[in-house]
Amino acid sequence: MAVYKKGNKSGPSNYRPISLTSIICKIMESIIRDHIMKFFFDNSYFSTKQYGFIKDRSTVLQLLKIMDDWTTQLDYGDKLMSYIPILQKHSILFLIVDCSLN
């Protein structure tokens, strides 16, 4: 359901959405989600490389881990090559990083 905010009433950006979901539905959704997540963790369906949307595994932590891995490789004199997907509105670009300290 949309509620009028301000401005021209014919402009869709002048309305804000509101949820009509009841509290009981939200509680049930939370209980079901918790059970599904527990099942997935107990049965190792999530990779240890999965970050984001998982408790204690944020995307910031993933960036810190990959930066640590990269600097360790460079410290040992290894060559570093990574393919980084960059998501845009209607396309995916790939940034190719190829470097070494030599």
C-alpha atoms as a PDB file:
ATOM      1  CA  MET A   1       0.000   0.000   0.000  1.00  0.00           C
ATOM      2  CA  ALA A   2       1.303   3.485  -0.812  1.00  0.00           C
ATOM      3  CA  VAL A   3       0.819   6.534   1.413  1.00  0.00           C
ATOM      4  CA  TYR A   4       1.021  10.063  -0.005  1.00  0.00           C
ATOM      5  CA  LYS A   5       4.008  12.112   1.275  1.00  0.00           C
ATOM      6  CA  LYS A   6       4.020  15.527  -0.442  1.00  0.00           C
ATOM      7  CA  GLY A   7       4.166  17.204  -3.826  1.00  0.00           C
ATOM      8  CA  ASN A   8       2.266  16.282  -6.977  1.00  0.00           C
ATOM      9  CA  LYS A   9      -0.187  13.456  -6.276  1.00  0.00           C
ATOM     10  CA  SER A  10       0.301  12.036  -9.786  1.00  0.00           C
ATOM     11  CA  GLY A  11       4.047  11.439  -9.231  1.00  0.00           C
ATOM     12  CA  PRO A  12       4.860   7.933  -7.952  1.00  0.00           C
ATOM     13  CA  SER A  13       7.944   9.211  -6.094  1.00  0.00           C
ATOM     14  CA  ASN A  14       5.648  11.288  -3.853  1.00  0.00           C
ATOM     15  CA  TYR A  15       4.301   8.154  -2.194  1.00  0.00           C
ATOM     16  CA  ARG A  16       5.964   5.845   0.312  1.00  0.00           C
ATOM     17  CA  PRO A  17       5.213   2.146   0.624  1.00  0.00           C
ATOM     18  CA  ILE A  18       3.958   0.716   3.891  1.00  0.00           C
ATOM     19  CA  SER A  19       3.698  -2.891   4.943  1.00  0.00           C
ATOM     20  CA  LEU A  20       0.358  -4.308   5.974  1.00  0.00           C
ATOM     21  CA  THR A  21       1.908  -7.537   7.255  1.00  0.00           C
ATOM     22  CA  SER A  22       0.684  -8.383  10.721  1.00  0.00           C
ATOM     23  CA  ILE A  23       3.015  -8.803  13.685  1.00  0.00           C
ATOM     24  CA  ILE A  24       2.125 -12.497  13.916  1.00  0.00           C
ATOM     25  CA  CYS A  25       3.181 -13.021  10.281  1.00  0.00           C
ATOM     26  CA  LYS A  26       6.478 -11.241  10.934  1.00  0.00           C
ATOM     27  CA  ILE A  27       7.148 -13.390  14.016  1.00  0.00           C
ATOM     28  CA  MET A  28       6.357 -16.592  12.078  1.00  0.00           C
ATOM     29  CA  GLU A  29       8.629 -15.452   9.241  1.00  0.00           C
ATOM     30  CA  SER A  30      11.448 -14.881  11.734  1.00  0.00           C
ATOM     31  CA  ILE A  31      10.964 -18.316  13.353  1.00  0.00           C
ATOM     32  CA  ILE A  32      10.916 -20.077   9.979  1.00  0.00           C
ATOM     33  CA  ARG A  33      13.989 -18.171   8.780  1.00  0.00           C
ATOM     34  CA  ASP A  34      15.883 -19.071  11.969  1.00  0.00           C
ATOM     35  CA  HIS A  35      15.031 -22.772  11.570  1.00  0.00           C
ATOM     36  CA  ILE A  36      16.069 -22.782   7.903  1.00  0.00           C
ATOM     37  CA  MET A  37      19.368 -21.037   8.692  1.00  0.00           C
ATOM     38  CA  LYS A  38      20.086 -23.491  11.530  1.00  0.00           C
ATOM     39  CA  PHE A  39      19.355 -26.416   9.206  1.00  0.00           C
ATOM     40  CA  PHE A  40      21.693 -25.001   6.546  1.00  0.00           C
ATOM     41  CA  PHE A  41      24.511 -24.445   9.072  1.00  0.00           C
ATOM     42  CA  ASP A  42      24.040 -27.832  10.765  1.00  0.00           C
ATOM     43  CA  ASN A  43      24.254 -29.605   7.396  1.00  0.00           C
ATOM     44  CA  SER A  44      27.136 -27.459   6.040  1.00  0.00           C
ATOM     45  CA  TYR A  45      25.170 -26.113   3.086  1.00  0.00           C
ATOM     46  CA  PHE A  46      26.943 -22.759   3.359  1.00  0.00           C
ATOM     47  CA  SER A  47      30.494 -22.574   2.087  1.00  0.00           C
ATOM     48  CA  THR A  48      33.116 -21.104   4.405  1.00  0.00           C
ATOM     49  CA  LYS A  49      33.694 -18.631   1.570  1.00  0.00           C
ATOM     50  CA  GLN A  50      30.096 -17.360   1.752  1.00  0.00           C
ATOM     51  CA  TYR A  51      29.875 -13.846   3.187  1.00  0.00           C
ATOM     52  CA  GLY A  52      27.033 -11.375   3.497  1.00  0.00           C
ATOM     53  CA  PHE A  53      23.557 -12.132   4.855  1.00  0.00           C
ATOM     54  CA  ILE A  54      25.130 -14.546   7.347  1.00  0.00           C
ATOM     55  CA  LYS A  55      25.648 -13.686  11.019  1.00  0.00           C
ATOM     56  CA  ASP A  56      29.267 -12.763  11.822  1.00  0.00           C
ATOM     57  CA  ARG A  57      30.294 -12.904   8.122  1.00  0.00           C
ATOM     58  CA  SER A  58      29.831  -9.436   6.669  1.00  0.00           C
ATOM     59  CA  THR A  59      30.972  -8.306   3.248  1.00  0.00           C
ATOM     60  CA  VAL A  60      33.431  -5.955   4.993  1.00  0.00           C
ATOM     61  CA  LEU A  61      35.006  -9.005   6.642  1.00  0.00           C
ATOM     62  CA  GLN A  62      35.264 -10.609   3.203  1.00  0.00           C
ATOM     63  CA  LEU A  63      37.097  -7.555   1.850  1.00  0.00           C
ATOM     64  CA  LEU A  64      39.509  -7.617   4.795  1.00  0.00           C
ATOM     65  CA  LYS A  65      40.168 -11.331   4.259  1.00  0.00           C
ATOM     66  CA  ILE A  66      40.840 -10.955   0.524  1.00  0.00           C
ATOM     67  CA  MET A  67      43.147  -7.978   1.157  1.00  0.00           C
ATOM     68  CA  ASP A  68      45.046 -10.080   3.709  1.00  0.00           C
ATOM     69  CA  ASP A  69      45.306 -12.968   1.224  1.00  0.00           C
ATOM     70  CA  TRP A  70      46.540 -10.635  -1.520  1.00  0.00           C
ATOM     71  CA  THR A  71      49.178  -8.941   0.647  1.00  0.00           C
ATOM     72  CA  THR A  72      50.395 -12.345   1.880  1.00  0.00           C
ATOM     73  CA  GLN A  73      50.802 -13.523  -1.721  1.00  0.00           C
ATOM     74  CA  LEU A  74      52.694 -10.368  -2.649  1.00  0.00           C
ATOM     75  CA  ASP A  75      54.913 -10.691   0.466  1.00  0.00           C
ATOM     76  CA  TYR A  76      55.953 -14.178  -0.700  1.00  0.00           C
ATOM     77  CA  GLY A  77      56.710 -12.810  -4.173  1.00  0.00           C
ATOM     78  CA  ASP A  78      53.816 -14.629  -5.790  1.00  0.00           C
ATOM     79  CA  LYS A  79      52.049 -13.179  -8.778  1.00  0.00           C
ATOM     80  CA  LEU A  80      48.543 -11.955  -8.066  1.00  0.00           C
ATOM     81  CA  MET A  81      45.721 -12.266 -10.563  1.00  0.00           C
ATOM     82  CA  SER A  82      42.072 -11.704  -9.698  1.00  0.00           C
ATOM     83  CA  TYR A  83      38.883 -11.339 -11.665  1.00  0.00           C
ATOM     84  CA  ILE A  84      36.517  -8.930  -9.957  1.00  0.00           C
ATOM     85  CA  PRO A  85      32.920  -8.679 -11.209  1.00  0.00           C
ATOM     86  CA  ILE A  86      31.517  -5.155 -11.206  1.00  0.00           C
ATOM     87  CA  LEU A  87      27.733  -5.096 -11.314  1.00  0.00           C
ATOM     88  CA  GLN A  88      26.084  -2.224 -13.108  1.00  0.00           C
ATOM     89  CA  LYS A  89      22.457  -1.514 -13.892  1.00  0.00           C
ATOM     90  CA  HIS A  90      22.123  -3.778 -16.950  1.00  0.00           C
ATOM     91  CA  SER A  91      25.518  -5.427 -17.286  1.00  0.00           C
ATOM     92  CA  ILE A  92      28.419  -7.087 -15.523  1.00  0.00           C
ATOM     93  CA  LEU A  93      31.965  -5.901 -16.131  1.00  0.00           C
ATOM     94  CA  PHE A  94      35.060  -7.802 -15.057  1.00  0.00           C
ATOM     95  CA  LEU A  95      38.101  -6.009 -13.697  1.00  0.00           C
ATOM     96  CA  ILE A  96      41.244  -8.061 -14.159  1.00  0.00           C
ATOM     97  CA  VAL A  97      43.978  -7.370 -11.600  1.00  0.00           C
ATOM     98  CA  ASP A  98      47.405  -8.726 -12.514  1.00  0.00           C
ATOM     99  CA  CYS A  99      50.347  -7.569 -10.424  1.00  0.00           C
ATOM    100  CA  SER A 100      53.478  -8.535  -8.565  1.00  0.00           C
ATOM    101  CA  LEU A 101      56.153  -6.638  -6.647  1.00  0.00           C
ATOM    102  CA  ASN A 102      58.948  -7.761  -9.006  1.00  0.00           C
END
